[in-house]
Amino acid sequence: MKTQQKLTLPHIGNILTTFYKTRKINKTALARAIHRAKPTVHKYDTRSSLQCNVLWDISVAVQHNFFADLAANLPPTYTTNKPEDTTQAQRIAQLEEENKILTGQLELLKEVMGK
């Protein structure tokens, strides 16, 4: 294991507060959705950290991945077990193949037209 660099822990409460304001989330409705008291949900805004299960419940209730927001604060060199998304690579390969076919058809058309 390498020597760890000092990273600043993101303030979860600030992340939640910003999200609530931007998306106009009603905290009373959120409290009902996650089966917690309204004052408890309000206290989450001041907390620098939360238990994973609480953050998970909030994520599910508001349909937002706060864990990805946290992960975005880590250096890109850090490893993960997340499976690699290959859909873009597959789409690029498909488009490159289609481009080759269309280029060939264009050349053939130019030959036929005598240009």
C-alpha atoms as a PDB file:
ATOM      1  CA  MET A   1       0.000   0.000   0.000  1.00  0.00           C
ATOM      2  CA  LYS A   2       1.342   3.400  -1.001  1.00  0.00           C
ATOM      3  CA  THR A   3       1.600   6.421   1.258  1.00  0.00           C
ATOM      4  CA  GLN A   4      -1.806   8.076   1.330  1.00  0.00           C
ATOM      5  CA  GLN A   5      -2.201  11.649   0.253  1.00  0.00           C
ATOM      6  CA  LYS A   6      -4.359  13.834   2.454  1.00  0.00           C
ATOM      7  CA  LEU A   7      -7.806  14.264   0.905  1.00  0.00           C
ATOM      8  CA  THR A   8     -10.480  16.541   2.311  1.00  0.00           C
ATOM      9  CA  LEU A   9     -13.636  14.717   3.299  1.00  0.00           C
ATOM     10  CA  PRO A  10     -16.633  16.218   1.482  1.00  0.00           C
ATOM     11  CA  HIS A  11     -19.283  17.608   3.841  1.00  0.00           C
ATOM     12  CA  ILE A  12     -22.318  15.389   3.252  1.00  0.00           C
ATOM     13  CA  GLY A  13     -24.701  17.931   4.764  1.00  0.00           C
ATOM     14  CA  ASN A  14     -23.560  20.573   2.292  1.00  0.00           C
ATOM     15  CA  ILE A  15     -23.972  18.150  -0.603  1.00  0.00           C
ATOM     16  CA  LEU A  16     -27.505  17.320   0.543  1.00  0.00           C
ATOM     17  CA  THR A  17     -28.446  20.961   1.150  1.00  0.00           C
ATOM     18  CA  THR A  18     -27.253  21.992  -2.304  1.00  0.00           C
ATOM     19  CA  PHE A  19     -29.157  19.117  -3.882  1.00  0.00           C
ATOM     20  CA  TYR A  20     -32.359  19.918  -1.962  1.00  0.00           C
ATOM     21  CA  LYS A  21     -32.220  23.581  -2.993  1.00  0.00           C
ATOM     22  CA  THR A  22     -31.448  22.875  -6.636  1.00  0.00           C
ATOM     23  CA  ARG A  23     -34.128  20.226  -6.995  1.00  0.00           C
ATOM     24  CA  LYS A  24     -36.599  21.919  -4.641  1.00  0.00           C
ATOM     25  CA  ILE A  25     -36.908  18.813  -2.474  1.00  0.00           C
ATOM     26  CA  ASN A  26     -39.587  18.965   0.230  1.00  0.00           C
ATOM     27  CA  LYS A  27     -37.905  17.672   3.382  1.00  0.00           C
ATOM     28  CA  THR A  28     -41.214  16.751   5.014  1.00  0.00           C
ATOM     29  CA  ALA A  29     -42.052  14.490   2.086  1.00  0.00           C
ATOM     30  CA  LEU A  30     -38.507  13.127   2.142  1.00  0.00           C
ATOM     31  CA  ALA A  31     -38.803  12.348   5.863  1.00  0.00           C
ATOM     32  CA  ARG A  32     -41.989  10.380   5.189  1.00  0.00           C
ATOM     33  CA  ALA A  33     -40.387   8.572   2.253  1.00  0.00           C
ATOM     34  CA  ILE A  34     -37.386   7.394   4.286  1.00  0.00           C
ATOM     35  CA  HIS A  35     -39.427   6.704   7.449  1.00  0.00           C
ATOM     36  CA  ARG A  36     -37.618   9.201   9.639  1.00  0.00           C
ATOM     37  CA  ALA A  37     -38.747  12.176  11.690  1.00  0.00           C
ATOM     38  CA  LYS A  38     -38.672  15.603  10.035  1.00  0.00           C
ATOM     39  CA  PRO A  39     -36.217  17.046  12.630  1.00  0.00           C
ATOM     40  CA  THR A  40     -33.886  14.120  11.975  1.00  0.00           C
ATOM     41  CA  VAL A  41     -33.867  14.837   8.236  1.00  0.00           C
ATOM     42  CA  HIS A  42     -33.178  18.515   8.961  1.00  0.00           C
ATOM     43  CA  LYS A  43     -30.188  17.524  11.136  1.00  0.00           C
ATOM     44  CA  TYR A  44     -28.647  15.616   8.235  1.00  0.00           C
ATOM     45  CA  ASP A  45     -27.924  18.990   6.581  1.00  0.00           C
ATOM     46  CA  THR A  46     -25.517  19.916   9.371  1.00  0.00           C
ATOM     47  CA  ARG A  47     -23.713  16.590   9.556  1.00  0.00           C
ATOM     48  CA  SER A  48     -20.312  16.230   7.934  1.00  0.00           C
ATOM     49  CA  SER A  49     -20.886  12.480   7.541  1.00  0.00           C
ATOM     50  CA  LEU A  50     -23.769  10.022   7.470  1.00  0.00           C
ATOM     51  CA  GLN A  51     -24.122   6.291   7.767  1.00  0.00           C
ATOM     52  CA  CYS A  52     -24.206   4.552   4.411  1.00  0.00           C
ATOM     53  CA  ASN A  53     -27.693   3.168   4.994  1.00  0.00           C
ATOM     54  CA  VAL A  54     -29.068   6.681   5.613  1.00  0.00           C
ATOM     55  CA  LEU A  55     -27.416   8.047   2.481  1.00  0.00           C
ATOM     56  CA  TRP A  56     -28.682   5.012   0.572  1.00  0.00           C
ATOM     57  CA  ASP A  57     -32.269   5.626   1.730  1.00  0.00           C
ATOM     58  CA  ILE A  58     -32.064   9.285   0.708  1.00  0.00           C
ATOM     59  CA  SER A  59     -30.552   8.333  -2.670  1.00  0.00           C
ATOM     60  CA  VAL A  60     -33.375   5.892  -3.349  1.00  0.00           C
ATOM     61  CA  ALA A  61     -36.058   8.347  -2.214  1.00  0.00           C
ATOM     62  CA  VAL A  62     -34.854  11.215  -4.415  1.00  0.00           C
ATOM     63  CA  GLN A  63     -33.486   8.960  -7.178  1.00  0.00           C
ATOM     64  CA  HIS A  64     -29.999  10.481  -7.088  1.00  0.00           C
ATOM     65  CA  ASN A  65     -26.655   8.694  -6.682  1.00  0.00           C
ATOM     66  CA  PHE A  66     -24.934  10.556  -3.833  1.00  0.00           C
ATOM     67  CA  PHE A  67     -22.307   7.821  -3.690  1.00  0.00           C
ATOM     68  CA  ALA A  68     -21.199   8.742  -7.221  1.00  0.00           C
ATOM     69  CA  ASP A  69     -21.033  12.381  -6.104  1.00  0.00           C
ATOM     70  CA  LEU A  70     -18.723  11.337  -3.276  1.00  0.00           C
ATOM     71  CA  ALA A  71     -16.658   9.128  -5.571  1.00  0.00           C
ATOM     72  CA  ALA A  72     -16.177  12.080  -7.932  1.00  0.00           C
ATOM     73  CA  ASN A  73     -14.147  13.732  -5.151  1.00  0.00           C
ATOM     74  CA  LEU A  74     -11.584  10.910  -5.202  1.00  0.00           C
ATOM     75  CA  PRO A  75      -8.639  10.899  -7.606  1.00  0.00           C
ATOM     76  CA  PRO A  76      -9.349   9.079 -10.877  1.00  0.00           C
ATOM     77  CA  THR A  77      -6.339   6.849 -10.222  1.00  0.00           C
ATOM     78  CA  TYR A  78      -8.171   5.091  -7.382  1.00  0.00           C
ATOM     79  CA  THR A  79      -9.402   1.618  -8.240  1.00  0.00           C
ATOM     80  CA  THR A  80     -12.989   0.389  -8.195  1.00  0.00           C
ATOM     81  CA  ASN A  81     -14.874  -2.860  -8.658  1.00  0.00           C
ATOM     82  CA  LYS A  82     -17.456  -1.197 -10.887  1.00  0.00           C
ATOM     83  CA  PRO A  83     -17.759  -3.078 -14.168  1.00  0.00           C
ATOM     84  CA  GLU A  84     -16.472  -1.106 -17.137  1.00  0.00           C
ATOM     85  CA  ASP A  85     -19.160   0.390 -19.380  1.00  0.00           C
ATOM     86  CA  THR A  86     -18.406  -0.874 -22.880  1.00  0.00           C
ATOM     87  CA  THR A  87     -21.492   0.518 -24.628  1.00  0.00           C
ATOM     88  CA  GLN A  88     -19.639   3.601 -25.884  1.00  0.00           C
ATOM     89  CA  ALA A  89     -16.744   1.538 -27.202  1.00  0.00           C
ATOM     90  CA  GLN A  90     -19.178  -0.800 -28.962  1.00  0.00           C
ATOM     91  CA  ARG A  91     -21.063   2.135 -30.479  1.00  0.00           C
ATOM     92  CA  ILE A  92     -17.820   3.713 -31.708  1.00  0.00           C
ATOM     93  CA  ALA A  93     -16.752   0.429 -33.337  1.00  0.00           C
ATOM     94  CA  GLN A  94     -20.163   0.131 -34.981  1.00  0.00           C
ATOM     95  CA  LEU A  95     -19.969   3.677 -36.346  1.00  0.00           C
ATOM     96  CA  GLU A  96     -16.400   3.159 -37.595  1.00  0.00           C
ATOM     97  CA  GLU A  97     -17.530   0.052 -39.497  1.00  0.00           C
ATOM     98  CA  GLU A  98     -20.493   1.954 -40.945  1.00  0.00           C
ATOM     99  CA  ASN A  99     -18.120   4.778 -41.935  1.00  0.00           C
ATOM    100  CA  LYS A 100     -15.881   2.309 -43.822  1.00  0.00           C
ATOM    101  CA  ILE A 101     -18.891   0.937 -45.718  1.00  0.00           C
ATOM    102  CA  LEU A 102     -20.173   4.403 -46.594  1.00  0.00           C
ATOM    103  CA  THR A 103     -16.705   5.545 -47.690  1.00  0.00           C
ATOM    104  CA  GLY A 104     -16.478   2.524 -49.999  1.00  0.00           C
ATOM    105  CA  GLN A 105     -19.935   3.230 -51.422  1.00  0.00           C
ATOM    106  CA  LEU A 106     -18.990   6.877 -51.986  1.00  0.00           C
ATOM    107  CA  GLU A 107     -15.829   5.873 -53.886  1.00  0.00           C
ATOM    108  CA  LEU A 108     -17.852   3.450 -56.003  1.00  0.00           C
ATOM    109  CA  LEU A 109     -20.409   6.148 -56.763  1.00  0.00           C
ATOM    110  CA  LYS A 110     -17.648   8.562 -57.767  1.00  0.00           C
ATOM    111  CA  GLU A 111     -16.204   5.929 -60.141  1.00  0.00           C
ATOM    112  CA  VAL A 112     -19.585   5.228 -61.708  1.00  0.00           C
ATOM    113  CA  MET A 113     -20.270   8.933 -62.204  1.00  0.00           C
ATOM    114  CA  GLY A 114     -16.786   9.463 -63.633  1.00  0.00           C
ATOM    115  CA  LYS A 115     -15.565  12.070 -61.183  1.00  0.00           C
END
